[in-house]
Amino acid sequence: MSYNIIAARWELQLHRPLHATTYYVNPHYHFISNFKVNAKIKIGLYQCLERMVSDASERCKINLQFDSFKDAKGLFSIEAAKIARDKKTPAKWWDSYGDEYS
């Protein structure tokens, strides 16, 4: 396989709603200084949210909680959470610091 074929397949896989969501909520990536969110990522994030959460009021609640994550408020703001952003797996990090938002 040539590099172009591999690159094309890789590109298709990374632009799925679930991948956009995992990129957005991964603390390792989200809190680095060059983290960029574009319209494609946000569209994927909200498409994934719609697909996974059927209740509109629950989706709204989750959407509001994204702000606390993005702004590192509550448990997300404590020093241990900041240090662990790139030390723990995303699942373990969320298990440790996402209690206010379950």
PDB file of N, CA and C in Angstrom:
ATOM      1  N   MET A   1       0.830  -1.181   0.000  1.00  0.00           N
ATOM      2  CA  MET A   1       0.000   0.000   0.000  1.00  0.00           C
ATOM      3  C   MET A   1       0.879   1.250   0.000  1.00  0.00           C
ATOM      4  N   SER A   2       0.486   2.183  -0.782  1.00  0.00           N
ATOM      5  CA  SER A   2       1.258   3.419  -0.790  1.00  0.00           C
ATOM      6  C   SER A   2       0.852   4.312   0.381  1.00  0.00           C
ATOM      7  N   TYR A   3       1.699   5.254   0.676  1.00  0.00           N
ATOM      8  CA  TYR A   3       1.438   6.185   1.765  1.00  0.00           C
ATOM      9  C   TYR A   3       0.132   6.940   1.527  1.00  0.00           C
ATOM     10  N   ASN A   4      -0.171   7.318   0.300  1.00  0.00           N
ATOM     11  CA  ASN A   4      -1.392   8.081  -0.002  1.00  0.00           C
ATOM     12  C   ASN A   4      -2.648   7.296   0.337  1.00  0.00           C
ATOM     13  N   ILE A   5      -2.640   6.006   0.084  1.00  0.00           N
ATOM     14  CA  ILE A   5      -3.796   5.166   0.406  1.00  0.00           C
ATOM     15  C   ILE A   5      -3.966   5.077   1.914  1.00  0.00           C
ATOM     16  N   ILE A   6      -2.876   4.864   2.618  1.00  0.00           N
ATOM     17  CA  ILE A   6      -2.927   4.796   4.084  1.00  0.00           C
ATOM     18  C   ILE A   6      -3.395   6.128   4.653  1.00  0.00           C
ATOM     19  N   ALA A   7      -2.843   7.217   4.144  1.00  0.00           N
ATOM     20  CA  ALA A   7      -3.223   8.549   4.629  1.00  0.00           C
ATOM     21  C   ALA A   7      -4.703   8.824   4.380  1.00  0.00           C
ATOM     22  N   ALA A   8      -5.204   8.433   3.219  1.00  0.00           N
ATOM     23  CA  ALA A   8      -6.616   8.656   2.898  1.00  0.00           C
ATOM     24  C   ALA A   8      -7.530   7.861   3.829  1.00  0.00           C
ATOM     25  N   ARG A   9      -7.185   6.617   4.082  1.00  0.00           N
ATOM     26  CA  ARG A   9      -7.994   5.806   5.002  1.00  0.00           C
ATOM     27  C   ARG A   9      -7.938   6.357   6.423  1.00  0.00           C
ATOM     28  N   TRP A  10      -6.765   6.764   6.847  1.00  0.00           N
ATOM     29  CA  TRP A  10      -6.592   7.331   8.182  1.00  0.00           C
ATOM     30  C   TRP A  10      -7.433   8.598   8.324  1.00  0.00           C
ATOM     31  N   GLU A  11      -7.382   9.440   7.307  1.00  0.00           N
ATOM     32  CA  GLU A  11      -8.132  10.699   7.327  1.00  0.00           C
ATOM     33  C   GLU A  11      -9.632  10.438   7.445  1.00  0.00           C
ATOM     34  N   LEU A  12     -10.135   9.446   6.740  1.00  0.00           N
ATOM     35  CA  LEU A  12     -11.561   9.106   6.822  1.00  0.00           C
ATOM     36  C   LEU A  12     -11.944   8.637   8.221  1.00  0.00           C
ATOM     37  N   GLN A  13     -11.085   7.870   8.849  1.00  0.00           N
ATOM     38  CA  GLN A  13     -11.382   7.335  10.167  1.00  0.00           C
ATOM     39  C   GLN A  13     -11.382   8.417  11.249  1.00  0.00           C
ATOM     40  N   LEU A  14     -10.541   9.415  11.106  1.00  0.00           N
ATOM     41  CA  LEU A  14     -10.420  10.428  12.144  1.00  0.00           C
ATOM     42  C   LEU A  14     -11.507  11.495  12.091  1.00  0.00           C
ATOM     43  N   HIS A  15     -12.317  11.474  11.089  1.00  0.00           N
ATOM     44  CA  HIS A  15     -13.357  12.493  10.985  1.00  0.00           C
ATOM     45  C   HIS A  15     -14.733  11.902  11.248  1.00  0.00           C
ATOM     46  N   ARG A  16     -14.810  11.033  12.197  1.00  0.00           N
ATOM     47  CA  ARG A  16     -16.073  10.458  12.643  1.00  0.00           C
ATOM     48  C   ARG A  16     -16.470  11.166  13.928  1.00  0.00           C
ATOM     49  N   PRO A  17     -17.773  11.269  14.191  1.00  0.00           N
ATOM     50  CA  PRO A  17     -18.233  11.964  15.399  1.00  0.00           C
ATOM     51  C   PRO A  17     -17.618  11.435  16.693  1.00  0.00           C
ATOM     52  N   LEU A  18     -17.481  10.131  16.824  1.00  0.00           N
ATOM     53  CA  LEU A  18     -16.915   9.576  18.048  1.00  0.00           C
ATOM     54  C   LEU A  18     -15.450   9.985  18.230  1.00  0.00           C
ATOM     55  N   HIS A  19     -14.700  10.014  17.143  1.00  0.00           N
ATOM     56  CA  HIS A  19     -13.304  10.427  17.238  1.00  0.00           C
ATOM     57  C   HIS A  19     -13.178  11.909  17.592  1.00  0.00           C
ATOM     58  N   ALA A  20     -14.055  12.728  17.035  1.00  0.00           N
ATOM     59  CA  ALA A  20     -14.046  14.154  17.372  1.00  0.00           C
ATOM     60  C   ALA A  20     -14.344  14.346  18.855  1.00  0.00           C
ATOM     61  N   THR A  21     -15.286  13.566  19.367  1.00  0.00           N
ATOM     62  CA  THR A  21     -15.659  13.661  20.779  1.00  0.00           C
ATOM     63  C   THR A  21     -14.514  13.227  21.679  1.00  0.00           C
ATOM     64  N   THR A  22     -13.885  12.116  21.348  1.00  0.00           N
ATOM     65  CA  THR A  22     -12.794  11.639  22.193  1.00  0.00           C
ATOM     66  C   THR A  22     -11.614  12.611  22.176  1.00  0.00           C
ATOM     67  N   TYR A  23     -11.396  13.261  21.052  1.00  0.00           N
ATOM     68  CA  TYR A  23     -10.343  14.283  20.987  1.00  0.00           C
ATOM     69  C   TYR A  23     -10.715  15.456  21.896  1.00  0.00           C
ATOM     70  N   TYR A  24     -11.946  15.915  21.814  1.00  0.00           N
ATOM     71  CA  TYR A  24     -12.381  17.080  22.576  1.00  0.00           C
ATOM     72  C   TYR A  24     -12.331  16.837  24.084  1.00  0.00           C
ATOM     73  N   VAL A  25     -12.747  15.668  24.548  1.00  0.00           N
ATOM     74  CA  VAL A  25     -12.826  15.423  26.000  1.00  0.00           C
ATOM     75  C   VAL A  25     -11.570  14.766  26.576  1.00  0.00           C
ATOM     76  N   ASN A  26     -10.556  14.556  25.762  1.00  0.00           N
ATOM     77  CA  ASN A  26      -9.304  13.988  26.255  1.00  0.00           C
ATOM     78  C   ASN A  26      -8.500  15.104  26.931  1.00  0.00           C
ATOM     79  N   PRO A  27      -8.328  15.037  28.251  1.00  0.00           N
ATOM     80  CA  PRO A  27      -7.638  16.134  28.945  1.00  0.00           C
ATOM     81  C   PRO A  27      -6.201  16.345  28.477  1.00  0.00           C
ATOM     82  N   HIS A  28      -5.558  15.289  28.032  1.00  0.00           N
ATOM     83  CA  HIS A  28      -4.184  15.421  27.548  1.00  0.00           C
ATOM     84  C   HIS A  28      -4.112  16.403  26.380  1.00  0.00           C
ATOM     85  N   TYR A  29      -5.043  16.315  25.451  1.00  0.00           N
ATOM     86  CA  TYR A  29      -5.052  17.199  24.289  1.00  0.00           C
ATOM     87  C   TYR A  29      -5.752  18.524  24.579  1.00  0.00           C
ATOM     88  N   HIS A  30      -6.858  18.455  25.320  1.00  0.00           N
ATOM     89  CA  HIS A  30      -7.698  19.634  25.506  1.00  0.00           C
ATOM     90  C   HIS A  30      -6.977  20.785  26.210  1.00  0.00           C
ATOM     91  N   PHE A  31      -6.061  20.473  27.093  1.00  0.00           N
ATOM     92  CA  PHE A  31      -5.435  21.514  27.883  1.00  0.00           C
ATOM     93  C   PHE A  31      -4.008  21.867  27.464  1.00  0.00           C
ATOM     94  N   ILE A  32      -3.585  21.400  26.298  1.00  0.00           N
ATOM     95  CA  ILE A  32      -2.292  21.848  25.808  1.00  0.00           C
ATOM     96  C   ILE A  32      -2.467  23.208  25.130  1.00  0.00           C
ATOM     97  N   SER A  33      -1.409  23.986  25.100  1.00  0.00           N
ATOM     98  CA  SER A  33      -1.521  25.370  24.638  1.00  0.00           C
ATOM     99  C   SER A  33      -1.928  25.507  23.171  1.00  0.00           C
ATOM    100  N   ASN A  34      -1.613  24.536  22.341  1.00  0.00           N
ATOM    101  CA  ASN A  34      -1.961  24.654  20.928  1.00  0.00           C
ATOM    102  C   ASN A  34      -3.229  23.876  20.555  1.00  0.00           C
ATOM    103  N   PHE A  35      -4.048  23.521  21.557  1.00  0.00           N
ATOM    104  CA  PHE A  35      -5.306  22.821  21.285  1.00  0.00           C
ATOM    105  C   PHE A  35      -6.220  23.727  20.464  1.00  0.00           C
ATOM    106  N   LYS A  36      -6.718  23.214  19.378  1.00  0.00           N
ATOM    107  CA  LYS A  36      -7.606  23.977  18.501  1.00  0.00           C
ATOM    108  C   LYS A  36      -8.878  23.172  18.265  1.00  0.00           C
ATOM    109  N   VAL A  37      -9.979  23.849  18.365  1.00  0.00           N
ATOM    110  CA  VAL A  37     -11.260  23.225  18.051  1.00  0.00           C
ATOM    111  C   VAL A  37     -11.838  23.980  16.873  1.00  0.00           C
ATOM    112  N   ASN A  38     -12.107  23.247  15.808  1.00  0.00           N
ATOM    113  CA  ASN A  38     -12.723  23.878  14.647  1.00  0.00           C
ATOM    114  C   ASN A  38     -14.163  23.397  14.508  1.00  0.00           C
ATOM    115  N   ALA A  39     -14.837  23.891  13.508  1.00  0.00           N
ATOM    116  CA  ALA A  39     -16.249  23.561  13.309  1.00  0.00           C
ATOM    117  C   ALA A  39     -16.457  22.062  13.101  1.00  0.00           C
ATOM    118  N   LYS A  40     -15.555  21.389  12.394  1.00  0.00           N
ATOM    119  CA  LYS A  40     -15.706  19.950  12.157  1.00  0.00           C
ATOM    120  C   LYS A  40     -15.687  19.167  13.470  1.00  0.00           C
ATOM    121  N   ILE A  41     -14.803  19.550  14.366  1.00  0.00           N
ATOM    122  CA  ILE A  41     -14.730  18.860  15.655  1.00  0.00           C
ATOM    123  C   ILE A  41     -16.001  19.108  16.456  1.00  0.00           C
ATOM    124  N   LYS A  42     -16.465  20.352  16.496  1.00  0.00           N
ATOM    125  CA  LYS A  42     -17.686  20.654  17.243  1.00  0.00           C
ATOM    126  C   LYS A  42     -18.904  19.975  16.633  1.00  0.00           C
ATOM    127  N   ILE A  43     -18.974  19.934  15.322  1.00  0.00           N
ATOM    128  CA  ILE A  43     -20.088  19.234  14.669  1.00  0.00           C
ATOM    129  C   ILE A  43     -20.054  17.760  15.055  1.00  0.00           C
ATOM    130  N   GLY A  44     -18.886  17.146  14.990  1.00  0.00           N
ATOM    131  CA  GLY A  44     -18.752  15.738  15.383  1.00  0.00           C
ATOM    132  C   GLY A  44     -19.108  15.523  16.835  1.00  0.00           C
ATOM    133  N   LEU A  45     -18.671  16.423  17.702  1.00  0.00           N
ATOM    134  CA  LEU A  45     -18.986  16.341  19.129  1.00  0.00           C
ATOM    135  C   LEU A  45     -20.495  16.334  19.351  1.00  0.00           C
ATOM    136  N   TYR A  46     -21.189  17.270  18.733  1.00  0.00           N
ATOM    137  CA  TYR A  46     -22.633  17.369  18.951  1.00  0.00           C
ATOM    138  C   TYR A  46     -23.413  16.286  18.203  1.00  0.00           C
ATOM    139  N   GLN A  47     -22.904  15.799  17.086  1.00  0.00           N
ATOM    140  CA  GLN A  47     -23.524  14.650  16.419  1.00  0.00           C
ATOM    141  C   GLN A  47     -23.431  13.416  17.300  1.00  0.00           C
ATOM    142  N   CYS A  48     -22.281  13.214  17.895  1.00  0.00           N
ATOM    143  CA  CYS A  48     -22.085  12.079  18.793  1.00  0.00           C
ATOM    144  C   CYS A  48     -23.011  12.204  19.997  1.00  0.00           C
ATOM    145  N   LEU A  49     -23.091  13.382  20.566  1.00  0.00           N
ATOM    146  CA  LEU A  49     -23.962  13.615  21.712  1.00  0.00           C
ATOM    147  C   LEU A  49     -25.417  13.315  21.364  1.00  0.00           C
ATOM    148  N   GLU A  50     -25.872  13.765  20.203  1.00  0.00           N
ATOM    149  CA  GLU A  50     -27.252  13.483  19.773  1.00  0.00           C
ATOM    150  C   GLU A  50     -27.492  11.993  19.596  1.00  0.00           C
ATOM    151  N   ARG A  51     -26.514  11.306  19.053  1.00  0.00           N
ATOM    152  CA  ARG A  51     -26.665   9.877  18.803  1.00  0.00           C
ATOM    153  C   ARG A  51     -26.665   9.074  20.108  1.00  0.00           C
ATOM    154  N   MET A  52     -25.855   9.502  21.071  1.00  0.00           N
ATOM    155  CA  MET A  52     -25.709   8.730  22.304  1.00  0.00           C
ATOM    156  C   MET A  52     -26.723   9.090  23.385  1.00  0.00           C
ATOM    157  N   VAL A  53     -27.261  10.306  23.356  1.00  0.00           N
ATOM    158  CA  VAL A  53     -28.183  10.767  24.398  1.00  0.00           C
ATOM    159  C   VAL A  53     -29.474  11.210  23.726  1.00  0.00           C
ATOM    160  N   SER A  54     -30.520  10.406  23.869  1.00  0.00           N
ATOM    161  CA  SER A  54     -31.768  10.698  23.163  1.00  0.00           C
ATOM    162  C   SER A  54     -32.571  11.831  23.793  1.00  0.00           C
ATOM    163  N   ASP A  55     -32.444  12.021  25.096  1.00  0.00           N
ATOM    164  CA  ASP A  55     -33.227  13.044  25.794  1.00  0.00           C
ATOM    165  C   ASP A  55     -32.596  14.431  25.613  1.00  0.00           C
ATOM    166  N   ALA A  56     -33.372  15.367  25.062  1.00  0.00           N
ATOM    167  CA  ALA A  56     -32.861  16.703  24.761  1.00  0.00           C
ATOM    168  C   ALA A  56     -32.443  17.461  26.021  1.00  0.00           C
ATOM    169  N   SER A  57     -33.163  17.293  27.118  1.00  0.00           N
ATOM    170  CA  SER A  57     -32.793  18.011  28.344  1.00  0.00           C
ATOM    171  C   SER A  57     -31.478  17.467  28.915  1.00  0.00           C
ATOM    172  N   GLU A  58     -31.236  16.169  28.782  1.00  0.00           N
ATOM    173  CA  GLU A  58     -29.959  15.591  29.215  1.00  0.00           C
ATOM    174  C   GLU A  58     -28.819  16.093  28.338  1.00  0.00           C
ATOM    175  N   ARG A  59     -29.066  16.196  27.026  1.00  0.00           N
ATOM    176  CA  ARG A  59     -28.037  16.732  26.123  1.00  0.00           C
ATOM    177  C   ARG A  59     -27.698  18.173  26.489  1.00  0.00           C
ATOM    178  N   CYS A  60     -28.704  18.949  26.832  1.00  0.00           N
ATOM    179  CA  CYS A  60     -28.480  20.336  27.238  1.00  0.00           C
ATOM    180  C   CYS A  60     -27.637  20.390  28.510  1.00  0.00           C
ATOM    181  N   LYS A  61     -27.955  19.530  29.458  1.00  0.00           N
ATOM    182  CA  LYS A  61     -27.193  19.467  30.716  1.00  0.00           C
ATOM    183  C   LYS A  61     -25.723  19.128  30.438  1.00  0.00           C
ATOM    184  N   ILE A  62     -25.490  18.159  29.578  1.00  0.00           N
ATOM    185  CA  ILE A  62     -24.126  17.772  29.212  1.00  0.00           C
ATOM    186  C   ILE A  62     -23.421  18.925  28.508  1.00  0.00           C
ATOM    187  N   ASN A  63     -24.129  19.577  27.605  1.00  0.00           N
ATOM    188  CA  ASN A  63     -23.567  20.713  26.878  1.00  0.00           C
ATOM    189  C   ASN A  63     -23.116  21.816  27.838  1.00  0.00           C
ATOM    190  N   LEU A  64     -23.912  22.096  28.849  1.00  0.00           N
ATOM    191  CA  LEU A  64     -23.539  23.103  29.845  1.00  0.00           C
ATOM    192  C   LEU A  64     -22.319  22.655  30.659  1.00  0.00           C
ATOM    193  N   GLN A  65     -22.206  21.353  30.884  1.00  0.00           N
ATOM    194  CA  GLN A  65     -21.071  20.826  31.635  1.00  0.00           C
ATOM    195  C   GLN A  65     -19.767  20.902  30.838  1.00  0.00           C
ATOM    196  N   PHE A  66     -19.860  20.915  29.512  1.00  0.00           N
ATOM    197  CA  PHE A  66     -18.664  21.080  28.688  1.00  0.00           C
ATOM    198  C   PHE A  66     -17.928  22.365  29.068  1.00  0.00           C
ATOM    199  N   ASP A  67     -18.686  23.410  29.433  1.00  0.00           N
ATOM    200  CA  ASP A  67     -18.050  24.684  29.807  1.00  0.00           C
ATOM    201  C   ASP A  67     -17.189  24.533  31.052  1.00  0.00           C
ATOM    202  N   SER A  68     -17.667  23.776  32.028  1.00  0.00           N
ATOM    203  CA  SER A  68     -16.869  23.564  33.244  1.00  0.00           C
ATOM    204  C   SER A  68     -15.577  22.822  32.919  1.00  0.00           C
ATOM    205  N   PHE A  69     -15.671  21.842  32.036  1.00  0.00           N
ATOM    206  CA  PHE A  69     -14.479  21.111  31.609  1.00  0.00           C
ATOM    207  C   PHE A  69     -13.533  22.050  30.862  1.00  0.00           C
ATOM    208  N   LYS A  70     -14.067  22.759  29.875  1.00  0.00           N
ATOM    209  CA  LYS A  70     -13.260  23.648  29.041  1.00  0.00           C
ATOM    210  C   LYS A  70     -12.563  24.721  29.879  1.00  0.00           C
ATOM    211  N   ASP A  71     -13.271  25.251  30.867  1.00  0.00           N
ATOM    212  CA  ASP A  71     -12.729  26.320  31.711  1.00  0.00           C
ATOM    213  C   ASP A  71     -12.020  25.790  32.958  1.00  0.00           C
ATOM    214  N   ALA A  72     -11.912  24.473  33.090  1.00  0.00           N
ATOM    215  CA  ALA A  72     -11.252  23.817  34.233  1.00  0.00           C
ATOM    216  C   ALA A  72     -11.797  24.342  35.561  1.00  0.00           C
ATOM    217  N   LYS A  73     -13.097  24.164  35.764  1.00  0.00           N
ATOM    218  CA  LYS A  73     -13.738  24.588  37.014  1.00  0.00           C
ATOM    219  C   LYS A  73     -14.027  23.376  37.886  1.00  0.00           C
ATOM    220  N   GLY A  74     -14.299  23.604  39.160  1.00  0.00           N
ATOM    221  CA  GLY A  74     -14.618  22.522  40.088  1.00  0.00           C
ATOM    222  C   GLY A  74     -13.439  21.583  40.256  1.00  0.00           C
ATOM    223  N   LEU A  75     -13.714  20.291  40.300  1.00  0.00           N
ATOM    224  CA  LEU A  75     -12.635  19.302  40.452  1.00  0.00           C
ATOM    225  C   LEU A  75     -11.609  19.381  39.320  1.00  0.00           C
ATOM    226  N   PHE A  76     -12.049  19.855  38.154  1.00  0.00           N
ATOM    227  CA  PHE A  76     -11.122  19.968  37.026  1.00  0.00           C
ATOM    228  C   PHE A  76     -10.025  21.006  37.288  1.00  0.00           C
ATOM    229  N   SER A  77     -10.253  21.888  38.268  1.00  0.00           N
ATOM    230  CA  SER A  77      -9.304  22.971  38.520  1.00  0.00           C
ATOM    231  C   SER A  77      -8.251  22.643  39.575  1.00  0.00           C
ATOM    232  N   ILE A  78      -8.427  21.549  40.292  1.00  0.00           N
ATOM    233  CA  ILE A  78      -7.470  21.273  41.368  1.00  0.00           C
ATOM    234  C   ILE A  78      -6.118  20.843  40.781  1.00  0.00           C
ATOM    235  N   GLU A  79      -5.083  21.084  41.543  1.00  0.00           N
ATOM    236  CA  GLU A  79      -3.723  20.818  41.077  1.00  0.00           C
ATOM    237  C   GLU A  79      -3.526  19.359  40.656  1.00  0.00           C
ATOM    238  N   ALA A  80      -4.084  18.429  41.418  1.00  0.00           N
ATOM    239  CA  ALA A  80      -3.933  17.006  41.082  1.00  0.00           C
ATOM    240  C   ALA A  80      -4.524  16.701  39.705  1.00  0.00           C
ATOM    241  N   ALA A  81      -5.662  17.299  39.386  1.00  0.00           N
ATOM    242  CA  ALA A  81      -6.296  17.086  38.078  1.00  0.00           C
ATOM    243  C   ALA A  81      -5.423  17.652  36.968  1.00  0.00           C
ATOM    244  N   LYS A  82      -4.845  18.808  37.210  1.00  0.00           N
ATOM    245  CA  LYS A  82      -3.984  19.432  36.202  1.00  0.00           C
ATOM    246  C   LYS A  82      -2.733  18.603  35.949  1.00  0.00           C
ATOM    247  N   ILE A  83      -2.130  18.108  37.016  1.00  0.00           N
ATOM    248  CA  ILE A  83      -0.919  17.299  36.879  1.00  0.00           C
ATOM    249  C   ILE A  83      -1.218  15.977  36.159  1.00  0.00           C
ATOM    250  N   ALA A  84      -2.381  15.406  36.436  1.00  0.00           N
ATOM    251  CA  ALA A  84      -2.723  14.081  35.901  1.00  0.00           C
ATOM    252  C   ALA A  84      -3.246  14.114  34.468  1.00  0.00           C
ATOM    253  N   ARG A  85      -3.422  15.281  33.891  1.00  0.00           N
ATOM    254  CA  ARG A  85      -3.969  15.382  32.530  1.00  0.00           C
ATOM    255  C   ARG A  85      -3.229  14.529  31.517  1.00  0.00           C
ATOM    256  N   ASP A  86      -1.923  14.462  31.645  1.00  0.00           N
ATOM    257  CA  ASP A  86      -1.160  13.639  30.702  1.00  0.00           C
ATOM    258  C   ASP A  86      -0.479  12.451  31.376  1.00  0.00           C
ATOM    259  N   LYS A  87      -0.888  12.167  32.607  1.00  0.00           N
ATOM    260  CA  LYS A  87      -0.318  11.029  33.332  1.00  0.00           C
ATOM    261  C   LYS A  87      -1.288   9.840  33.378  1.00  0.00           C
ATOM    262  N   LYS A  88      -2.574  10.130  33.447  1.00  0.00           N
ATOM    263  CA  LYS A  88      -3.590   9.073  33.515  1.00  0.00           C
ATOM    264  C   LYS A  88      -4.242   8.896  32.147  1.00  0.00           C
ATOM    265  N   THR A  89      -4.809   7.733  31.936  1.00  0.00           N
ATOM    266  CA  THR A  89      -5.604   7.556  30.723  1.00  0.00           C
ATOM    267  C   THR A  89      -6.826   8.459  30.845  1.00  0.00           C
ATOM    268  N   PRO A  90      -7.430   8.865  29.725  1.00  0.00           N
ATOM    269  CA  PRO A  90      -8.619   9.713  29.821  1.00  0.00           C
ATOM    270  C   PRO A  90      -9.714   9.096  30.693  1.00  0.00           C
ATOM    271  N   ALA A  91      -9.933   7.792  30.592  1.00  0.00           N
ATOM    272  CA  ALA A  91     -10.983   7.142  31.397  1.00  0.00           C
ATOM    273  C   ALA A  91     -10.682   7.250  32.889  1.00  0.00           C
ATOM    274  N   LYS A  92      -9.439   7.017  33.267  1.00  0.00           N
ATOM    275  CA  LYS A  92      -9.075   7.112  34.684  1.00  0.00           C
ATOM    276  C   LYS A  92      -9.113   8.557  35.166  1.00  0.00           C
ATOM    277  N   TRP A  93      -8.718   9.497  34.310  1.00  0.00           N
ATOM    278  CA  TRP A  93      -8.772  10.904  34.677  1.00  0.00           C
ATOM    279  C   TRP A  93     -10.217  11.332  34.938  1.00  0.00           C
ATOM    280  N   TRP A  94     -11.121  10.954  34.024  1.00  0.00           N
ATOM    281  CA  TRP A  94     -12.526  11.304  34.202  1.00  0.00           C
ATOM    282  C   TRP A  94     -13.113  10.612  35.433  1.00  0.00           C
ATOM    283  N   ASP A  95     -12.692   9.382  35.702  1.00  0.00           N
ATOM    284  CA  ASP A  95     -13.159   8.686  36.886  1.00  0.00           C
ATOM    285  C   ASP A  95     -12.692   9.408  38.145  1.00  0.00           C
ATOM    286  N   SER A  96     -11.508   9.955  38.120  1.00  0.00           N
ATOM    287  CA  SER A  96     -10.955  10.649  39.286  1.00  0.00           C
ATOM    288  C   SER A  96     -11.539  12.051  39.484  1.00  0.00           C
ATOM    289  N   TYR A  97     -11.800  12.783  38.407  1.00  0.00           N
ATOM    290  CA  TYR A  97     -12.128  14.196  38.542  1.00  0.00           C
ATOM    291  C   TYR A  97     -13.479  14.613  37.929  1.00  0.00           C
ATOM    292  N   GLY A  98     -14.209  13.682  37.378  1.00  0.00           N
ATOM    293  CA  GLY A  98     -15.471  14.030  36.725  1.00  0.00           C
ATOM    294  C   GLY A  98     -16.717  13.806  37.568  1.00  0.00           C
ATOM    295  N   ASP A  99     -16.552  13.576  38.870  1.00  0.00           N
ATOM    296  CA  ASP A  99     -17.687  13.242  39.732  1.00  0.00           C
ATOM    297  C   ASP A  99     -18.780  14.294  39.791  1.00  0.00           C
ATOM    298  N   GLU A 100     -18.424  15.544  39.663  1.00  0.00           N
ATOM    299  CA  GLU A 100     -19.437  16.611  39.732  1.00  0.00           C
ATOM    300  C   GLU A 100     -20.348  16.598  38.506  1.00  0.00           C
ATOM    301  N   TYR A 101     -19.972  15.843  37.504  1.00  0.00           N
ATOM    302  CA  TYR A 101     -20.678  15.909  36.221  1.00  0.00           C
ATOM    303  C   TYR A 101     -21.213  14.572  35.762  1.00  0.00           C
ATOM    304  N   SER A 102     -21.535  13.693  36.702  1.00  0.00           N
ATOM    305  CA  SER A 102     -22.042  12.378  36.279  1.00  0.00           C
ATOM    306  C   SER A 102     -23.554  12.347  36.373  1.00  0.00           C
TER     307      SER A 102
END
